[in-house]
Amino acid sequence: MAKRLSDIRLREDEILQEGFEATIDGVSVMVTAVLERTCVYETPDGVRRLANKRLLMVEPEKLPIKRRSVG
């Protein structure tokens, strides 16, 4: 079930990596950069845009989450 990207909570030792699919206004896009409150995404026709994480819908189980190494 799709959720807003802004609703995804990561643990302190996790980071969300770029390179995943999302949907914005019903259009499937590729997220190419993840920032604090926004993401850069690429439209199907190759245009890069910036969007607030509240507008991006994602499948949580498909997100590329990486654990940070400690120390």
PDB file of N, CA and C in Angstrom:
ATOM      1  N   MET A   1       0.826  -1.178   0.000  1.00  0.00           N
ATOM      2  CA  MET A   1       0.000   0.000   0.000  1.00  0.00           C
ATOM      3  C   MET A   1       0.882   1.258   0.000  1.00  0.00           C
ATOM      4  N   ALA A   2       0.619   2.157  -0.886  1.00  0.00           N
ATOM      5  CA  ALA A   2       1.426   3.368  -1.018  1.00  0.00           C
ATOM      6  C   ALA A   2       1.220   4.309   0.167  1.00  0.00           C
ATOM      7  N   LYS A   3       2.317   4.975   0.548  1.00  0.00           N
ATOM      8  CA  LYS A   3       2.295   5.954   1.632  1.00  0.00           C
ATOM      9  C   LYS A   3       3.029   7.202   1.170  1.00  0.00           C
ATOM     10  N   ARG A   4       2.735   8.303   1.814  1.00  0.00           N
ATOM     11  CA  ARG A   4       3.501   9.519   1.542  1.00  0.00           C
ATOM     12  C   ARG A   4       4.936   9.313   2.004  1.00  0.00           C
ATOM     13  N   LEU A   5       5.868   9.775   1.209  1.00  0.00           N
ATOM     14  CA  LEU A   5       7.275   9.642   1.590  1.00  0.00           C
ATOM     15  C   LEU A   5       7.544  10.365   2.902  1.00  0.00           C
ATOM     16  N   SER A   6       6.858  11.452   3.161  1.00  0.00           N
ATOM     17  CA  SER A   6       7.051  12.197   4.409  1.00  0.00           C
ATOM     18  C   SER A   6       6.603  11.396   5.636  1.00  0.00           C
ATOM     19  N   ASP A   7       5.775  10.371   5.444  1.00  0.00           N
ATOM     20  CA  ASP A   7       5.301   9.546   6.563  1.00  0.00           C
ATOM     21  C   ASP A   7       6.233   8.376   6.880  1.00  0.00           C
ATOM     22  N   ILE A   8       7.227   8.144   6.048  1.00  0.00           N
ATOM     23  CA  ILE A   8       8.166   7.045   6.273  1.00  0.00           C
ATOM     24  C   ILE A   8       9.156   7.466   7.354  1.00  0.00           C
ATOM     25  N   ARG A   9       9.218   6.703   8.405  1.00  0.00           N
ATOM     26  CA  ARG A   9      10.122   7.003   9.519  1.00  0.00           C
ATOM     27  C   ARG A   9      11.294   6.026   9.480  1.00  0.00           C
ATOM     28  N   LEU A  10      12.485   6.588   9.509  1.00  0.00           N
ATOM     29  CA  LEU A  10      13.696   5.778   9.525  1.00  0.00           C
ATOM     30  C   LEU A  10      14.288   5.785  10.922  1.00  0.00           C
ATOM     31  N   ARG A  11      14.999   4.721  11.236  1.00  0.00           N
ATOM     32  CA  ARG A  11      15.707   4.686  12.504  1.00  0.00           C
ATOM     33  C   ARG A  11      16.919   5.610  12.419  1.00  0.00           C
ATOM     34  N   GLU A  12      17.489   5.915  13.555  1.00  0.00           N
ATOM     35  CA  GLU A  12      18.614   6.837  13.622  1.00  0.00           C
ATOM     36  C   GLU A  12      19.807   6.380  12.781  1.00  0.00           C
ATOM     37  N   ASP A  13      19.987   5.076  12.632  1.00  0.00           N
ATOM     38  CA  ASP A  13      21.136   4.560  11.897  1.00  0.00           C
ATOM     39  C   ASP A  13      20.804   4.212  10.433  1.00  0.00           C
ATOM     40  N   GLU A  14      19.674   4.664   9.918  1.00  0.00           N
ATOM     41  CA  GLU A  14      19.265   4.363   8.544  1.00  0.00           C
ATOM     42  C   GLU A  14      19.230   5.630   7.697  1.00  0.00           C
ATOM     43  N   ILE A  15      19.541   5.460   6.415  1.00  0.00           N
ATOM     44  CA  ILE A  15      19.421   6.550   5.456  1.00  0.00           C
ATOM     45  C   ILE A  15      18.686   6.034   4.224  1.00  0.00           C
ATOM     46  N   LEU A  16      17.938   6.916   3.617  1.00  0.00           N
ATOM     47  CA  LEU A  16      17.205   6.584   2.401  1.00  0.00           C
ATOM     48  C   LEU A  16      18.067   6.967   1.213  1.00  0.00           C
ATOM     49  N   GLN A  17      18.351   6.013   0.350  1.00  0.00           N
ATOM     50  CA  GLN A  17      19.174   6.268  -0.821  1.00  0.00           C
ATOM     51  C   GLN A  17      18.304   6.638  -2.016  1.00  0.00           C
ATOM     52  N   GLU A  18      18.905   7.358  -2.937  1.00  0.00           N
ATOM     53  CA  GLU A  18      18.195   7.736  -4.161  1.00  0.00           C
ATOM     54  C   GLU A  18      18.080   6.541  -5.097  1.00  0.00           C
ATOM     55  N   GLY A  19      17.310   6.739  -6.158  1.00  0.00           N
ATOM     56  CA  GLY A  19      17.167   5.695  -7.166  1.00  0.00           C
ATOM     57  C   GLY A  19      15.965   4.796  -6.931  1.00  0.00           C
ATOM     58  N   PHE A  20      14.837   5.372  -6.555  1.00  0.00           N
ATOM     59  CA  PHE A  20      13.630   4.566  -6.356  1.00  0.00           C
ATOM     60  C   PHE A  20      12.450   5.229  -7.050  1.00  0.00           C
ATOM     61  N   GLU A  21      11.445   4.435  -7.308  1.00  0.00           N
ATOM     62  CA  GLU A  21      10.248   4.927  -7.976  1.00  0.00           C
ATOM     63  C   GLU A  21       9.269   5.510  -6.971  1.00  0.00           C
ATOM     64  N   ALA A  22       8.575   6.532  -7.414  1.00  0.00           N
ATOM     65  CA  ALA A  22       7.526   7.163  -6.622  1.00  0.00           C
ATOM     66  C   ALA A  22       6.437   7.609  -7.590  1.00  0.00           C
ATOM     67  N   THR A  23       5.337   8.038  -7.030  1.00  0.00           N
ATOM     68  CA  THR A  23       4.239   8.564  -7.845  1.00  0.00           C
ATOM     69  C   THR A  23       3.908   9.955  -7.345  1.00  0.00           C
ATOM     70  N   ILE A  24       3.743  10.885  -8.272  1.00  0.00           N
ATOM     71  CA  ILE A  24       3.337  12.235  -7.931  1.00  0.00           C
ATOM     72  C   ILE A  24       2.216  12.642  -8.885  1.00  0.00           C
ATOM     73  N   ASP A  25       1.107  13.018  -8.335  1.00  0.00           N
ATOM     74  CA  ASP A  25      -0.077  13.365  -9.140  1.00  0.00           C
ATOM     75  C   ASP A  25      -0.444  12.262 -10.128  1.00  0.00           C
ATOM     76  N   GLY A  26      -0.288  11.004  -9.698  1.00  0.00           N
ATOM     77  CA  GLY A  26      -0.656   9.868 -10.537  1.00  0.00           C
ATOM     78  C   GLY A  26       0.359   9.490 -11.592  1.00  0.00           C
ATOM     79  N   VAL A  27       1.509  10.192 -11.638  1.00  0.00           N
ATOM     80  CA  VAL A  27       2.544   9.913 -12.632  1.00  0.00           C
ATOM     81  C   VAL A  27       3.723   9.226 -11.942  1.00  0.00           C
ATOM     82  N   SER A  28       4.202   8.140 -12.520  1.00  0.00           N
ATOM     83  CA  SER A  28       5.349   7.425 -11.980  1.00  0.00           C
ATOM     84  C   SER A  28       6.635   8.183 -12.330  1.00  0.00           C
ATOM     85  N   VAL A  29       7.469   8.416 -11.314  1.00  0.00           N
ATOM     86  CA  VAL A  29       8.715   9.161 -11.492  1.00  0.00           C
ATOM     87  C   VAL A  29       9.859   8.411 -10.808  1.00  0.00           C
ATOM     88  N   MET A  30      11.104   8.803 -11.130  1.00  0.00           N
ATOM     89  CA  MET A  30      12.293   8.227 -10.498  1.00  0.00           C
ATOM     90  C   MET A  30      12.918   9.281  -9.599  1.00  0.00           C
ATOM     91  N   VAL A  31      13.075   8.957  -8.322  1.00  0.00           N
ATOM     92  CA  VAL A  31      13.695   9.883  -7.376  1.00  0.00           C
ATOM     93  C   VAL A  31      15.207   9.756  -7.520  1.00  0.00           C
ATOM     94  N   THR A  32      15.865  10.892  -7.813  1.00  0.00           N
ATOM     95  CA  THR A  32      17.309  10.882  -8.067  1.00  0.00           C
ATOM     96  C   THR A  32      18.130  11.505  -6.952  1.00  0.00           C
ATOM     97  N   ALA A  33      17.477  12.188  -6.004  1.00  0.00           N
ATOM     98  CA  ALA A  33      18.179  12.757  -4.856  1.00  0.00           C
ATOM     99  C   ALA A  33      17.184  12.934  -3.711  1.00  0.00           C
ATOM    100  N   VAL A  34      17.641  12.607  -2.512  1.00  0.00           N
ATOM    101  CA  VAL A  34      16.802  12.731  -1.316  1.00  0.00           C
ATOM    102  C   VAL A  34      17.424  13.778  -0.412  1.00  0.00           C
ATOM    103  N   LEU A  35      16.655  14.824  -0.127  1.00  0.00           N
ATOM    104  CA  LEU A  35      17.101  15.891   0.751  1.00  0.00           C
ATOM    105  C   LEU A  35      16.299  15.826   2.048  1.00  0.00           C
ATOM    106  N   GLU A  36      16.439  16.810   2.903  1.00  0.00           N
ATOM    107  CA  GLU A  36      15.763  16.739   4.209  1.00  0.00           C
ATOM    108  C   GLU A  36      14.238  16.729   4.089  1.00  0.00           C
ATOM    109  N   ARG A  37      13.674  17.687   3.379  1.00  0.00           N
ATOM    110  CA  ARG A  37      12.216  17.777   3.249  1.00  0.00           C
ATOM    111  C   ARG A  37      11.733  17.610   1.816  1.00  0.00           C
ATOM    112  N   THR A  38      12.662  17.555   0.897  1.00  0.00           N
ATOM    113  CA  THR A  38      12.311  17.488  -0.520  1.00  0.00           C
ATOM    114  C   THR A  38      13.088  16.388  -1.225  1.00  0.00           C
ATOM    115  N   CYS A  39      12.700  16.132  -2.471  1.00  0.00           N
ATOM    116  CA  CYS A  39      13.402  15.180  -3.321  1.00  0.00           C
ATOM    117  C   CYS A  39      13.494  15.751  -4.724  1.00  0.00           C
ATOM    118  N   VAL A  40      14.537  15.377  -5.417  1.00  0.00           N
ATOM    119  CA  VAL A  40      14.639  15.666  -6.836  1.00  0.00           C
ATOM    120  C   VAL A  40      14.154  14.413  -7.543  1.00  0.00           C
ATOM    121  N   TYR A  41      13.272  14.609  -8.520  1.00  0.00           N
ATOM    122  CA  TYR A  41      12.775  13.467  -9.272  1.00  0.00           C
ATOM    123  C   TYR A  41      12.842  13.764 -10.751  1.00  0.00           C
ATOM    124  N   GLU A  42      12.849  12.691 -11.537  1.00  0.00           N
ATOM    125  CA  GLU A  42      12.892  12.806 -12.985  1.00  0.00           C
ATOM    126  C   GLU A  42      11.583  12.293 -13.560  1.00  0.00           C
ATOM    127  N   THR A  43      10.958  13.108 -14.393  1.00  0.00           N
ATOM    128  CA  THR A  43       9.701  12.734 -15.028  1.00  0.00           C
ATOM    129  C   THR A  43       9.960  11.726 -16.142  1.00  0.00           C
ATOM    130  N   PRO A  44       8.929  11.060 -16.625  1.00  0.00           N
ATOM    131  CA  PRO A  44       9.118  10.089 -17.713  1.00  0.00           C
ATOM    132  C   PRO A  44       9.766  10.687 -18.967  1.00  0.00           C
ATOM    133  N   ASP A  45       9.594  11.989 -19.181  1.00  0.00           N
ATOM    134  CA  ASP A  45      10.206  12.621 -20.355  1.00  0.00           C
ATOM    135  C   ASP A  45      11.581  13.224 -20.058  1.00  0.00           C
ATOM    136  N   GLY A  46      12.165  12.910 -18.883  1.00  0.00           N
ATOM    137  CA  GLY A  46      13.540  13.290 -18.570  1.00  0.00           C
ATOM    138  C   GLY A  46      13.736  14.639 -17.908  1.00  0.00           C
ATOM    139  N   VAL A  47      12.659  15.306 -17.517  1.00  0.00           N
ATOM    140  CA  VAL A  47      12.767  16.606 -16.858  1.00  0.00           C
ATOM    141  C   VAL A  47      12.966  16.389 -15.359  1.00  0.00           C
ATOM    142  N   ARG A  48      13.931  17.100 -14.787  1.00  0.00           N
ATOM    143  CA  ARG A  48      14.168  17.010 -13.337  1.00  0.00           C
ATOM    144  C   ARG A  48      13.401  18.111 -12.624  1.00  0.00           C
ATOM    145  N   ARG A  49      12.777  17.714 -11.513  1.00  0.00           N
ATOM    146  CA  ARG A  49      11.979  18.659 -10.731  1.00  0.00           C
ATOM    147  C   ARG A  49      12.202  18.401  -9.250  1.00  0.00           C
ATOM    148  N   LEU A  50      11.808  19.366  -8.448  1.00  0.00           N
ATOM    149  CA  LEU A  50      11.910  19.286  -6.994  1.00  0.00           C
ATOM    150  C   LEU A  50      10.506  19.186  -6.418  1.00  0.00           C
ATOM    151  N   ALA A  51      10.326  18.309  -5.436  1.00  0.00           N
ATOM    152  CA  ALA A  51       9.002  18.161  -4.809  1.00  0.00           C
ATOM    153  C   ALA A  51       9.158  17.918  -3.319  1.00  0.00           C
ATOM    154  N   ASN A  52       8.210  18.411  -2.570  1.00  0.00           N
ATOM    155  CA  ASN A  52       8.142  18.139  -1.147  1.00  0.00           C
ATOM    156  C   ASN A  52       7.829  16.657  -0.963  1.00  0.00           C
ATOM    157  N   LYS A  53       8.393  16.056   0.067  1.00  0.00           N
ATOM    158  CA  LYS A  53       8.172  14.631   0.324  1.00  0.00           C
ATOM    159  C   LYS A  53       6.700  14.299   0.577  1.00  0.00           C
ATOM    160  N   ARG A  54       5.905  15.277   0.987  1.00  0.00           N
ATOM    161  CA  ARG A  54       4.469  15.043   1.222  1.00  0.00           C
ATOM    162  C   ARG A  54       3.733  14.710  -0.072  1.00  0.00           C
ATOM    163  N   LEU A  55       4.264  15.138  -1.212  1.00  0.00           N
ATOM    164  CA  LEU A  55       3.592  14.939  -2.496  1.00  0.00           C
ATOM    165  C   LEU A  55       3.953  13.620  -3.175  1.00  0.00           C
ATOM    166  N   LEU A  56       5.010  12.968  -2.706  1.00  0.00           N
ATOM    167  CA  LEU A  56       5.486  11.736  -3.331  1.00  0.00           C
ATOM    168  C   LEU A  56       4.908  10.514  -2.621  1.00  0.00           C
ATOM    169  N   MET A  57       4.280   9.651  -3.387  1.00  0.00           N
ATOM    170  CA  MET A  57       3.732   8.406  -2.858  1.00  0.00           C
ATOM    171  C   MET A  57       4.693   7.271  -3.206  1.00  0.00           C
ATOM    172  N   VAL A  58       4.980   6.415  -2.220  1.00  0.00           N
ATOM    173  CA  VAL A  58       5.943   5.327  -2.412  1.00  0.00           C
ATOM    174  C   VAL A  58       5.399   4.029  -1.808  1.00  0.00           C
ATOM    175  N   GLU A  59       5.991   2.923  -2.234  1.00  0.00           N
ATOM    176  CA  GLU A  59       5.745   1.615  -1.626  1.00  0.00           C
ATOM    177  C   GLU A  59       6.865   1.402  -0.604  1.00  0.00           C
ATOM    178  N   PRO A  60       6.579   1.513   0.693  1.00  0.00           N
ATOM    179  CA  PRO A  60       7.631   1.457   1.717  1.00  0.00           C
ATOM    180  C   PRO A  60       8.555   0.242   1.624  1.00  0.00           C
ATOM    181  N   GLU A  61       7.998  -0.907   1.288  1.00  0.00           N
ATOM    182  CA  GLU A  61       8.820  -2.125   1.239  1.00  0.00           C
ATOM    183  C   GLU A  61       9.805  -2.132   0.065  1.00  0.00           C
ATOM    184  N   LYS A  62       9.656  -1.219  -0.873  1.00  0.00           N
ATOM    185  CA  LYS A  62      10.546  -1.155  -2.037  1.00  0.00           C
ATOM    186  C   LYS A  62      11.610  -0.070  -1.921  1.00  0.00           C
ATOM    187  N   LEU A  63      11.638   0.653  -0.817  1.00  0.00           N
ATOM    188  CA  LEU A  63      12.593   1.747  -0.659  1.00  0.00           C
ATOM    189  C   LEU A  63      13.998   1.232  -0.378  1.00  0.00           C
ATOM    190  N   PRO A  64      15.015   1.851  -0.988  1.00  0.00           N
ATOM    191  CA  PRO A  64      16.407   1.450  -0.741  1.00  0.00           C
ATOM    192  C   PRO A  64      16.932   2.113   0.538  1.00  0.00           C
ATOM    193  N   ILE A  65      16.785   1.420   1.645  1.00  0.00           N
ATOM    194  CA  ILE A  65      17.213   1.941   2.941  1.00  0.00           C
ATOM    195  C   ILE A  65      18.523   1.258   3.309  1.00  0.00           C
ATOM    196  N   LYS A  66      19.497   2.075   3.703  1.00  0.00           N
ATOM    197  CA  LYS A  66      20.834   1.561   4.044  1.00  0.00           C
ATOM    198  C   LYS A  66      21.144   1.922   5.487  1.00  0.00           C
ATOM    199  N   ARG A  67      21.809   1.009   6.155  1.00  0.00           N
ATOM    200  CA  ARG A  67      22.258   1.273   7.535  1.00  0.00           C
ATOM    201  C   ARG A  67      23.597   1.997   7.494  1.00  0.00           C
ATOM    202  N   ARG A  68      23.713   3.026   8.311  1.00  0.00           N
ATOM    203  CA  ARG A  68      24.989   3.739   8.442  1.00  0.00           C
ATOM    204  C   ARG A  68      25.938   2.896   9.281  1.00  0.00           C
ATOM    205  N   SER A  69      27.200   2.938   8.916  1.00  0.00           N
ATOM    206  CA  SER A  69      28.177   2.242   9.746  1.00  0.00           C
ATOM    207  C   SER A  69      28.547   3.154  10.917  1.00  0.00           C
ATOM    208  N   VAL A  70      28.625   2.590  12.084  1.00  0.00           N
ATOM    209  CA  VAL A  70      28.923   3.350  13.286  1.00  0.00           C
ATOM    210  C   VAL A  70      30.396   3.214  13.597  1.00  0.00           C
ATOM    211  N   GLY A  71      31.032   4.349  13.899  1.00  0.00           N
ATOM    212  CA  GLY A  71      32.429   4.331  14.295  1.00  0.00           C
ATOM    213  C   GLY A  71      33.266   4.681  13.182  1.00  0.00           C
TER     214      GLY A  71
END
